[in-house]
Amino acid sequence: MTATPNPAARPIGIFDSGIGGLTVARAVAQRLPHERLVYFGDTAHLPYGEKSTAAIQAYAVKICDVLLRQHCKLILIACNSASAAAYELVREYVGSKALVVGMIDPVVAYVGQHYAGRPVGLIGTKQTVGSNIYRKKIDQLDVGVDLHALATPLLVPMIEEGFFAGRVSEEIIRAYLDHEMLQNIDALVLACTHFPLIKPQMEAYYQGRVAVLDPSDVVAATVAEALASRQLLAASAEQGPRHQFYVSDFTRSFEESTRIFFGQEVQLDHYPLWE
C-alpha cells in the first residue's frame, strides 16, 4: 500500500458525467498551474441530465471512491446535474477526507453579488432546471434577482456530436434563446459545462445586449480560495504536473473530443465503475 503524500501535494479530483467538465478542469489548471488533476468522466452513464436523482447519487459515490483512492485533497463536482442531485450526499460521504466544491453555490454567490435586483436567464439540462436548485438558492439570498430558467436538452448531444460551430447549432441556439422565458434579461448563466463551447455563438446572437456567464472561472476561483484558506495549495514545481484522465467507457471519439474541451492533448485511461 502506497503512503499518503503530504496534504498540499495531493491532487485535485474532478468528475463529470462525461467530458464537458473538462472546461472546468481547464479553468482550474490555468488558475492553479502547479496542481495535479485527476479527472473522471462517467461516459458510461452520460448524460446525467436525463437520469434520476437516485441514479446520479449512486454514480457520484462510486466516483468519489475512485478519487479518494487517489488521495485527492479536494473533489470538484464539475457537473451541474450532479451538483444539483448529489452535492450534499457527496459532502456527507467524503466527510473529512477531502474538501468538496460543486458548480452551483459559487455561481449563485456570483450572480447575487453582481446582478442584485436584475433579471437573469439560465439554461441547463432538464435535471438541473427541473431540480429548481438555482432558483431556491438565489431566492434565499433575497437580493431581488429575477431568475428565468429554461431547460435546453438538445444542446449537450449537439455539442458532443461536434455540431457546435455551424448552421445546425446556430439554428438550435437561436430557437432556445428566442424563447419567451429568456426575453428581457441582463445576463445568461450557462448552467452546463458543455455550453462554454457555444458561448461565442450566444454572444454573437446577443451582440453585447446580454452578458453570457461561463461559471468555470468562478468555480476555479472558489477551488483556489478553498485550498488557500487551508494551506493546501501545491508548491511550485520546475516541471508541470502530470494530470490523469479516466473514463468509465472508452471510445476514440471521446479522446478526440477531450482535446477540444481541455485545450490540449489528453490520454484517457479506461476505468469501469462496475465490474
C-alpha atoms as a PDB file:
ATOM      1  CA  MET A   1       0.000   0.000   0.000  1.00  0.00           C
ATOM      2  CA  THR A   2       1.401   3.368  -1.031  1.00  0.00           C
ATOM      3  CA  ALA A   3       1.952   6.042   1.568  1.00  0.00           C
ATOM      4  CA  THR A   4      -0.324   9.074   1.539  1.00  0.00           C
ATOM      5  CA  PRO A   5       1.597  12.114   0.242  1.00  0.00           C
ATOM      6  CA  ASN A   6       1.736  15.333   2.244  1.00  0.00           C
ATOM      7  CA  PRO A   7      -1.621  17.141   2.120  1.00  0.00           C
ATOM      8  CA  ALA A   8      -0.656  20.010  -0.173  1.00  0.00           C
ATOM      9  CA  ALA A   9       0.957  17.650  -2.707  1.00  0.00           C
ATOM     10  CA  ARG A  10      -2.204  15.599  -3.105  1.00  0.00           C
ATOM     11  CA  PRO A  11      -4.139  16.058  -6.369  1.00  0.00           C
ATOM     12  CA  ILE A  12      -7.446  17.763  -7.074  1.00  0.00           C
ATOM     13  CA  GLY A  13     -10.174  15.321  -8.112  1.00  0.00           C
ATOM     14  CA  ILE A  14     -12.729  16.446 -10.707  1.00  0.00           C
ATOM     15  CA  PHE A  15     -15.674  14.479 -12.047  1.00  0.00           C
ATOM     16  CA  ASP A  16     -18.462  14.887 -14.564  1.00  0.00           C
ATOM     17  CA  SER A  17     -20.941  12.714 -16.415  1.00  0.00           C
ATOM     18  CA  GLY A  18     -18.660  12.862 -19.433  1.00  0.00           C
ATOM     19  CA  ILE A  19     -16.137  15.239 -20.912  1.00  0.00           C
ATOM     20  CA  GLY A  20     -17.960  18.573 -20.514  1.00  0.00           C
ATOM     21  CA  GLY A  21     -16.372  19.034 -17.094  1.00  0.00           C
ATOM     22  CA  LEU A  22     -13.025  19.373 -18.835  1.00  0.00           C
ATOM     23  CA  THR A  23     -13.964  23.018 -19.473  1.00  0.00           C
ATOM     24  CA  VAL A  24     -13.935  23.453 -15.683  1.00  0.00           C
ATOM     25  CA  ALA A  25     -10.764  21.371 -15.323  1.00  0.00           C
ATOM     26  CA  ARG A  26      -9.130  23.624 -17.897  1.00  0.00           C
ATOM     27  CA  ALA A  27     -10.052  26.727 -15.879  1.00  0.00           C
ATOM     28  CA  VAL A  28      -8.674  25.121 -12.695  1.00  0.00           C
ATOM     29  CA  ALA A  29      -5.430  24.145 -14.452  1.00  0.00           C
ATOM     30  CA  GLN A  30      -4.999  27.701 -15.779  1.00  0.00           C
ATOM     31  CA  ARG A  31      -5.618  29.309 -12.377  1.00  0.00           C
ATOM     32  CA  LEU A  32      -3.587  26.724 -10.422  1.00  0.00           C
ATOM     33  CA  PRO A  33      -0.808  25.600 -12.786  1.00  0.00           C
ATOM     34  CA  HIS A  34       1.132  23.727 -10.090  1.00  0.00           C
ATOM     35  CA  GLU A  35      -1.772  21.469  -9.130  1.00  0.00           C
ATOM     36  CA  ARG A  36      -2.106  17.903 -10.373  1.00  0.00           C
ATOM     37  CA  LEU A  37      -5.597  16.976 -11.576  1.00  0.00           C
ATOM     38  CA  VAL A  38      -7.307  13.593 -11.544  1.00  0.00           C
ATOM     39  CA  TYR A  39     -10.326  13.761 -13.827  1.00  0.00           C
ATOM     40  CA  PHE A  40     -13.092  11.163 -14.034  1.00  0.00           C
ATOM     41  CA  GLY A  41     -15.648  11.284 -16.833  1.00  0.00           C
ATOM     42  CA  ASP A  42     -18.532   8.856 -16.313  1.00  0.00           C
ATOM     43  CA  THR A  43     -19.016   8.334 -20.043  1.00  0.00           C
ATOM     44  CA  ALA A  44     -20.779   5.006 -19.482  1.00  0.00           C
ATOM     45  CA  HIS A  45     -23.739   6.808 -17.920  1.00  0.00           C
ATOM     46  CA  LEU A  46     -23.935  10.125 -19.746  1.00  0.00           C
ATOM     47  CA  PRO A  47     -25.893  12.304 -19.908  1.00  0.00           C
ATOM     48  CA  TYR A  48     -26.672  12.809 -16.219  1.00  0.00           C
ATOM     49  CA  GLY A  49     -29.189  15.463 -17.227  1.00  0.00           C
ATOM     50  CA  GLU A  50     -31.640  12.724 -18.232  1.00  0.00           C
ATOM     51  CA  LYS A  51     -31.021  10.485 -15.173  1.00  0.00           C
ATOM     52  CA  SER A  52     -32.883  10.222 -11.870  1.00  0.00           C
ATOM     53  CA  THR A  53     -31.521  11.764  -8.679  1.00  0.00           C
ATOM     54  CA  ALA A  54     -31.015   8.299  -7.162  1.00  0.00           C
ATOM     55  CA  ALA A  55     -29.015   7.096 -10.163  1.00  0.00           C
ATOM     56  CA  ILE A  56     -26.769  10.170 -10.172  1.00  0.00           C
ATOM     57  CA  GLN A  57     -26.138   9.792  -6.433  1.00  0.00           C
ATOM     58  CA  ALA A  58     -25.096   6.153  -6.913  1.00  0.00           C
ATOM     59  CA  TYR A  59     -22.664   7.100  -9.687  1.00  0.00           C
ATOM     60  CA  ALA A  60     -21.259  10.009  -7.651  1.00  0.00           C
ATOM     61  CA  VAL A  61     -20.479   7.806  -4.633  1.00  0.00           C
ATOM     62  CA  LYS A  62     -18.680   5.277  -6.829  1.00  0.00           C
ATOM     63  CA  ILE A  63     -16.610   8.001  -8.470  1.00  0.00           C
ATOM     64  CA  CYS A  64     -15.734   9.526  -5.095  1.00  0.00           C
ATOM     65  CA  ASP A  65     -14.356   6.148  -4.057  1.00  0.00           C
ATOM     66  CA  VAL A  66     -12.052   6.240  -7.092  1.00  0.00           C
ATOM     67  CA  LEU A  67     -10.885   9.787  -6.348  1.00  0.00           C
ATOM     68  CA  LEU A  68     -10.359   9.116  -2.645  1.00  0.00           C
ATOM     69  CA  ARG A  69      -8.177   6.117  -3.537  1.00  0.00           C
ATOM     70  CA  GLN A  70      -6.073   8.623  -5.490  1.00  0.00           C
ATOM     71  CA  HIS A  71      -5.736  10.665  -2.238  1.00  0.00           C
ATOM     72  CA  CYS A  72      -7.474  13.736  -3.698  1.00  0.00           C
ATOM     73  CA  LYS A  73      -7.437  16.692  -1.301  1.00  0.00           C
ATOM     74  CA  LEU A  74     -10.459  18.319  -2.950  1.00  0.00           C
ATOM     75  CA  ILE A  75     -13.263  16.859  -5.065  1.00  0.00           C
ATOM     76  CA  LEU A  76     -14.849  19.197  -7.583  1.00  0.00           C
ATOM     77  CA  ILE A  77     -18.229  18.103  -8.939  1.00  0.00           C
ATOM     78  CA  ALA A  78     -17.787  19.642 -12.394  1.00  0.00           C
ATOM     79  CA  CYS A  79     -21.344  18.896 -13.454  1.00  0.00           C
ATOM     80  CA  ASN A  80     -24.452  20.935 -12.763  1.00  0.00           C
ATOM     81  CA  SER A  81     -26.763  17.900 -12.806  1.00  0.00           C
ATOM     82  CA  ALA A  82     -24.572  16.023 -10.323  1.00  0.00           C
ATOM     83  CA  SER A  83     -24.155  19.136  -8.167  1.00  0.00           C
ATOM     84  CA  ALA A  84     -27.942  19.534  -8.044  1.00  0.00           C
ATOM     85  CA  ALA A  85     -28.582  15.862  -7.271  1.00  0.00           C
ATOM     86  CA  ALA A  86     -25.620  14.768  -5.159  1.00  0.00           C
ATOM     87  CA  TYR A  87     -23.630  17.679  -3.669  1.00  0.00           C
ATOM     88  CA  GLU A  88     -24.945  17.275  -0.114  1.00  0.00           C
ATOM     89  CA  LEU A  89     -24.632  13.488  -0.270  1.00  0.00           C
ATOM     90  CA  VAL A  90     -21.055  13.709  -1.558  1.00  0.00           C
ATOM     91  CA  ARG A  91     -20.090  16.129   1.238  1.00  0.00           C
ATOM     92  CA  GLU A  92     -21.535  13.752   3.810  1.00  0.00           C
ATOM     93  CA  TYR A  93     -19.961  10.690   2.177  1.00  0.00           C
ATOM     94  CA  VAL A  94     -16.494  12.205   1.786  1.00  0.00           C
ATOM     95  CA  GLY A  95     -16.534  13.731   5.272  1.00  0.00           C
ATOM     96  CA  SER A  96     -13.148  14.976   6.401  1.00  0.00           C
ATOM     97  CA  LYS A  97     -11.206  13.011   3.759  1.00  0.00           C
ATOM     98  CA  ALA A  98     -11.395  15.813   1.188  1.00  0.00           C
ATOM     99  CA  LEU A  99     -12.896  19.230   0.559  1.00  0.00           C
ATOM    100  CA  VAL A 100     -15.904  19.285  -1.779  1.00  0.00           C
ATOM    101  CA  VAL A 101     -16.849  22.043  -4.239  1.00  0.00           C
ATOM    102  CA  GLY A 102     -19.871  21.986  -6.556  1.00  0.00           C
ATOM    103  CA  MET A 103     -20.899  24.082  -9.535  1.00  0.00           C
ATOM    104  CA  ILE A 104     -23.943  25.754  -8.026  1.00  0.00           C
ATOM    105  CA  ASP A 105     -23.062  27.651  -4.821  1.00  0.00           C
ATOM    106  CA  PRO A 106     -20.146  29.638  -6.344  1.00  0.00           C
ATOM    107  CA  VAL A 107     -22.316  30.709  -9.286  1.00  0.00           C
ATOM    108  CA  VAL A 108     -25.266  31.641  -7.056  1.00  0.00           C
ATOM    109  CA  ALA A 109     -22.960  33.815  -4.937  1.00  0.00           C
ATOM    110  CA  TYR A 110     -21.547  35.500  -8.068  1.00  0.00           C
ATOM    111  CA  VAL A 111     -24.992  36.226  -9.508  1.00  0.00           C
ATOM    112  CA  GLY A 112     -26.194  37.589  -6.174  1.00  0.00           C
ATOM    113  CA  GLN A 113     -23.177  39.881  -5.930  1.00  0.00           C
ATOM    114  CA  HIS A 114     -23.240  41.229  -9.498  1.00  0.00           C
ATOM    115  CA  TYR A 115     -26.906  41.069 -10.547  1.00  0.00           C
ATOM    116  CA  ALA A 116     -28.936  42.026  -7.458  1.00  0.00           C
ATOM    117  CA  GLY A 117     -32.330  43.411  -8.441  1.00  0.00           C
ATOM    118  CA  ARG A 118     -31.912  42.406 -12.095  1.00  0.00           C
ATOM    119  CA  PRO A 119     -33.395  39.742 -14.409  1.00  0.00           C
ATOM    120  CA  VAL A 120     -31.030  36.838 -15.126  1.00  0.00           C
ATOM    121  CA  GLY A 121     -31.543  33.920 -17.530  1.00  0.00           C
ATOM    122  CA  LEU A 122     -30.251  30.396 -17.020  1.00  0.00           C
ATOM    123  CA  ILE A 123     -30.033  27.418 -19.374  1.00  0.00           C
ATOM    124  CA  GLY A 124     -29.154  23.837 -18.463  1.00  0.00           C
ATOM    125  CA  THR A 125     -30.257  20.223 -18.653  1.00  0.00           C
ATOM    126  CA  LYS A 126     -33.725  19.028 -17.688  1.00  0.00           C
ATOM    127  CA  GLN A 127     -32.289  17.640 -14.432  1.00  0.00           C
ATOM    128  CA  THR A 128     -30.607  20.883 -13.417  1.00  0.00           C
ATOM    129  CA  VAL A 129     -33.502  23.171 -14.329  1.00  0.00           C
ATOM    130  CA  GLY A 130     -36.134  20.740 -13.043  1.00  0.00           C
ATOM    131  CA  SER A 131     -34.414  20.491  -9.659  1.00  0.00           C
ATOM    132  CA  ASN A 132     -35.083  24.226  -9.133  1.00  0.00           C
ATOM    133  CA  ILE A 133     -31.865  24.305  -7.112  1.00  0.00           C
ATOM    134  CA  TYR A 134     -30.624  27.574  -8.633  1.00  0.00           C
ATOM    135  CA  ARG A 135     -33.955  29.311  -8.053  1.00  0.00           C
ATOM    136  CA  LYS A 136     -34.137  28.126  -4.436  1.00  0.00           C
ATOM    137  CA  LYS A 137     -30.594  29.221  -3.614  1.00  0.00           C
ATOM    138  CA  ILE A 138     -30.871  32.561  -5.422  1.00  0.00           C
ATOM    139  CA  ASP A 139     -34.191  33.291  -3.703  1.00  0.00           C
ATOM    140  CA  GLN A 140     -32.532  32.524  -0.348  1.00  0.00           C
ATOM    141  CA  LEU A 141     -30.079  35.387  -0.995  1.00  0.00           C
ATOM    142  CA  ASP A 142     -33.081  37.749  -1.021  1.00  0.00           C
ATOM    143  CA  VAL A 143     -31.353  40.327  -3.229  1.00  0.00           C
ATOM    144  CA  GLY A 144     -34.073  40.643  -5.861  1.00  0.00           C
ATOM    145  CA  VAL A 145     -32.576  38.548  -8.669  1.00  0.00           C
ATOM    146  CA  ASP A 146     -35.396  37.571 -11.068  1.00  0.00           C
ATOM    147  CA  LEU A 147     -34.336  34.176 -12.467  1.00  0.00           C
ATOM    148  CA  HIS A 148     -35.611  32.963 -15.853  1.00  0.00           C
ATOM    149  CA  ALA A 149     -34.593  29.275 -16.204  1.00  0.00           C
ATOM    150  CA  LEU A 150     -35.059  27.191 -19.374  1.00  0.00           C
ATOM    151  CA  ALA A 151     -34.143  23.537 -19.989  1.00  0.00           C
ATOM    152  CA  THR A 152     -32.233  23.152 -23.268  1.00  0.00           C
ATOM    153  CA  PRO A 153     -31.885  19.371 -23.711  1.00  0.00           C
ATOM    154  CA  LEU A 154     -30.731  19.399 -27.353  1.00  0.00           C
ATOM    155  CA  LEU A 155     -27.550  21.359 -26.679  1.00  0.00           C
ATOM    156  CA  VAL A 156     -25.489  18.643 -24.927  1.00  0.00           C
ATOM    157  CA  PRO A 157     -25.923  15.912 -27.595  1.00  0.00           C
ATOM    158  CA  MET A 158     -25.441  18.555 -30.293  1.00  0.00           C
ATOM    159  CA  ILE A 159     -22.090  19.573 -28.793  1.00  0.00           C
ATOM    160  CA  GLU A 160     -20.942  16.003 -28.129  1.00  0.00           C
ATOM    161  CA  GLU A 161     -21.671  15.111 -31.770  1.00  0.00           C
ATOM    162  CA  GLY A 162     -19.486  18.011 -32.864  1.00  0.00           C
ATOM    163  CA  PHE A 163     -22.247  20.324 -34.081  1.00  0.00           C
ATOM    164  CA  PHE A 164     -21.184  23.479 -32.287  1.00  0.00           C
ATOM    165  CA  ALA A 165     -19.678  25.714 -34.944  1.00  0.00           C
ATOM    166  CA  GLY A 166     -22.058  25.840 -37.864  1.00  0.00           C
ATOM    167  CA  ARG A 167     -25.547  26.421 -39.197  1.00  0.00           C
ATOM    168  CA  VAL A 168     -27.143  23.489 -37.346  1.00  0.00           C
ATOM    169  CA  SER A 169     -26.015  24.733 -33.944  1.00  0.00           C
ATOM    170  CA  GLU A 170     -26.889  28.332 -34.804  1.00  0.00           C
ATOM    171  CA  GLU A 171     -30.490  27.356 -35.586  1.00  0.00           C
ATOM    172  CA  ILE A 172     -30.889  25.332 -32.376  1.00  0.00           C
ATOM    173  CA  ILE A 173     -29.250  28.021 -30.229  1.00  0.00           C
ATOM    174  CA  ARG A 174     -31.435  30.724 -31.786  1.00  0.00           C
ATOM    175  CA  ALA A 175     -34.575  28.644 -31.184  1.00  0.00           C
ATOM    176  CA  TYR A 176     -33.758  28.374 -27.475  1.00  0.00           C
ATOM    177  CA  LEU A 177     -32.590  31.961 -26.961  1.00  0.00           C
ATOM    178  CA  ASP A 178     -35.696  33.264 -28.769  1.00  0.00           C
ATOM    179  CA  HIS A 179     -37.873  31.509 -26.171  1.00  0.00           C
ATOM    180  CA  GLU A 180     -40.171  33.834 -24.250  1.00  0.00           C
ATOM    181  CA  MET A 181     -38.636  32.654 -20.948  1.00  0.00           C
ATOM    182  CA  LEU A 182     -35.300  34.249 -21.880  1.00  0.00           C
ATOM    183  CA  GLN A 183     -36.536  37.653 -23.014  1.00  0.00           C
ATOM    184  CA  ASN A 184     -35.549  40.919 -21.291  1.00  0.00           C
ATOM    185  CA  ILE A 185     -32.640  39.508 -19.274  1.00  0.00           C
ATOM    186  CA  ASP A 186     -29.365  41.235 -18.357  1.00  0.00           C
ATOM    187  CA  ALA A 187     -27.248  38.082 -18.133  1.00  0.00           C
ATOM    188  CA  LEU A 188     -27.422  34.401 -19.123  1.00  0.00           C
ATOM    189  CA  VAL A 189     -25.870  31.720 -16.885  1.00  0.00           C
ATOM    190  CA  LEU A 190     -24.511  28.700 -18.773  1.00  0.00           C
ATOM    191  CA  ALA A 191     -25.514  26.070 -16.200  1.00  0.00           C
ATOM    192  CA  CYS A 192     -23.917  23.163 -18.054  1.00  0.00           C
ATOM    193  CA  THR A 193     -20.207  22.546 -18.520  1.00  0.00           C
ATOM    194  CA  HIS A 194     -20.636  21.800 -22.248  1.00  0.00           C
ATOM    195  CA  PHE A 195     -22.032  25.222 -23.025  1.00  0.00           C
ATOM    196  CA  PRO A 196     -18.781  27.262 -22.959  1.00  0.00           C
ATOM    197  CA  LEU A 197     -18.017  25.694 -26.349  1.00  0.00           C
ATOM    198  CA  ILE A 198     -21.012  27.521 -27.827  1.00  0.00           C
ATOM    199  CA  LYS A 199     -20.566  30.714 -25.813  1.00  0.00           C
ATOM    200  CA  PRO A 200     -19.176  32.611 -28.856  1.00  0.00           C
ATOM    201  CA  GLN A 201     -22.348  31.851 -30.833  1.00  0.00           C
ATOM    202  CA  MET A 202     -24.527  33.006 -27.948  1.00  0.00           C
ATOM    203  CA  GLU A 203     -22.527  36.230 -27.626  1.00  0.00           C
ATOM    204  CA  ALA A 204     -22.907  36.763 -31.368  1.00  0.00           C
ATOM    205  CA  TYR A 205     -26.668  36.309 -31.004  1.00  0.00           C
ATOM    206  CA  TYR A 206     -26.897  38.873 -28.196  1.00  0.00           C
ATOM    207  CA  GLN A 207     -24.390  41.351 -29.718  1.00  0.00           C
ATOM    208  CA  GLY A 208     -23.496  42.760 -26.303  1.00  0.00           C
ATOM    209  CA  ARG A 209     -27.074  43.203 -25.050  1.00  0.00           C
ATOM    210  CA  VAL A 210     -26.757  40.303 -22.574  1.00  0.00           C
ATOM    211  CA  ALA A 211     -23.710  39.121 -20.588  1.00  0.00           C
ATOM    212  CA  VAL A 212     -23.101  35.406 -21.183  1.00  0.00           C
ATOM    213  CA  LEU A 213     -21.679  33.952 -17.948  1.00  0.00           C
ATOM    214  CA  ASP A 214     -19.339  30.940 -18.093  1.00  0.00           C
ATOM    215  CA  PRO A 215     -19.200  29.614 -14.497  1.00  0.00           C
ATOM    216  CA  SER A 216     -15.893  27.759 -14.908  1.00  0.00           C
ATOM    217  CA  ASP A 217     -13.711  30.725 -13.901  1.00  0.00           C
ATOM    218  CA  VAL A 218     -15.932  31.464 -10.887  1.00  0.00           C
ATOM    219  CA  VAL A 219     -15.730  27.826  -9.759  1.00  0.00           C
ATOM    220  CA  ALA A 220     -11.952  27.685 -10.338  1.00  0.00           C
ATOM    221  CA  ALA A 221     -11.564  30.762  -8.128  1.00  0.00           C
ATOM    222  CA  THR A 222     -13.633  29.046  -5.414  1.00  0.00           C
ATOM    223  CA  VAL A 223     -11.362  25.979  -5.594  1.00  0.00           C
ATOM    224  CA  ALA A 224      -8.287  28.206  -5.237  1.00  0.00           C
ATOM    225  CA  GLU A 225      -9.785  30.022  -2.240  1.00  0.00           C
ATOM    226  CA  ALA A 226     -10.803  26.759  -0.528  1.00  0.00           C
ATOM    227  CA  LEU A 227      -7.288  25.322  -0.860  1.00  0.00           C
ATOM    228  CA  ALA A 228      -5.512  28.552   0.103  1.00  0.00           C
ATOM    229  CA  SER A 229      -7.609  29.004   3.244  1.00  0.00           C
ATOM    230  CA  ARG A 230      -6.443  25.593   4.467  1.00  0.00           C
ATOM    231  CA  GLN A 231      -2.807  25.905   3.316  1.00  0.00           C
ATOM    232  CA  LEU A 232      -3.367  23.152   0.746  1.00  0.00           C
ATOM    233  CA  LEU A 233      -2.049  24.877  -2.372  1.00  0.00           C
ATOM    234  CA  ALA A 234       0.695  22.890  -4.100  1.00  0.00           C
ATOM    235  CA  ALA A 235       4.189  24.329  -4.006  1.00  0.00           C
ATOM    236  CA  SER A 236       5.633  25.494  -7.305  1.00  0.00           C
ATOM    237  CA  ALA A 237       7.470  22.880  -9.315  1.00  0.00           C
ATOM    238  CA  GLU A 238      10.011  23.132 -12.124  1.00  0.00           C
ATOM    239  CA  GLN A 239       8.066  20.710 -14.281  1.00  0.00           C
ATOM    240  CA  GLY A 240       4.336  20.990 -14.870  1.00  0.00           C
ATOM    241  CA  PRO A 241       2.094  18.488 -13.099  1.00  0.00           C
ATOM    242  CA  ARG A 242       1.101  15.259 -14.841  1.00  0.00           C
ATOM    243  CA  HIS A 243      -2.682  15.099 -14.937  1.00  0.00           C
ATOM    244  CA  GLN A 244      -4.633  11.829 -15.092  1.00  0.00           C
ATOM    245  CA  PHE A 245      -7.853  11.350 -17.021  1.00  0.00           C
ATOM    246  CA  TYR A 246     -10.202   8.403 -16.529  1.00  0.00           C
ATOM    247  CA  VAL A 247     -13.420   7.472 -18.317  1.00  0.00           C
ATOM    248  CA  SER A 248     -15.860   4.716 -17.375  1.00  0.00           C
ATOM    249  CA  ASP A 249     -16.453   3.831 -21.039  1.00  0.00           C
ATOM    250  CA  PHE A 250     -13.820   4.419 -23.689  1.00  0.00           C
ATOM    251  CA  THR A 251     -14.383   5.364 -27.315  1.00  0.00           C
ATOM    252  CA  ARG A 252     -11.992   7.041 -29.729  1.00  0.00           C
ATOM    253  CA  SER A 253     -14.447   9.909 -30.214  1.00  0.00           C
ATOM    254  CA  PHE A 254     -14.187  10.792 -26.510  1.00  0.00           C
ATOM    255  CA  GLU A 255     -10.416  11.014 -26.771  1.00  0.00           C
ATOM    256  CA  GLU A 256     -10.710  13.297 -29.796  1.00  0.00           C
ATOM    257  CA  SER A 257     -13.303  15.495 -28.091  1.00  0.00           C
ATOM    258  CA  THR A 258     -11.262  15.898 -24.905  1.00  0.00           C
ATOM    259  CA  ARG A 259      -8.656  17.912 -26.803  1.00  0.00           C
ATOM    260  CA  ILE A 260     -11.373  20.407 -27.712  1.00  0.00           C
ATOM    261  CA  PHE A 261     -12.771  20.626 -24.168  1.00  0.00           C
ATOM    262  CA  PHE A 262      -9.445  20.697 -22.282  1.00  0.00           C
ATOM    263  CA  GLY A 263      -7.471  22.635 -24.871  1.00  0.00           C
ATOM    264  CA  GLN A 264      -4.504  20.261 -25.080  1.00  0.00           C
ATOM    265  CA  GLU A 265      -3.564  16.648 -25.745  1.00  0.00           C
ATOM    266  CA  VAL A 266      -5.158  14.222 -23.283  1.00  0.00           C
ATOM    267  CA  GLN A 267      -4.589  10.497 -22.755  1.00  0.00           C
ATOM    268  CA  LEU A 268      -7.673   8.718 -21.451  1.00  0.00           C
ATOM    269  CA  ASP A 269      -7.482   5.630 -19.224  1.00  0.00           C
ATOM    270  CA  HIS A 270     -10.446   3.267 -19.114  1.00  0.00           C
ATOM    271  CA  TYR A 271     -11.734   2.723 -15.568  1.00  0.00           C
ATOM    272  CA  PRO A 272     -15.077   0.843 -15.410  1.00  0.00           C
ATOM    273  CA  LEU A 273     -17.128   1.738 -12.323  1.00  0.00           C
ATOM    274  CA  TRP A 274     -18.828  -1.642 -12.098  1.00  0.00           C
ATOM    275  CA  GLU A 275     -17.091  -4.907 -12.961  1.00  0.00           C
END
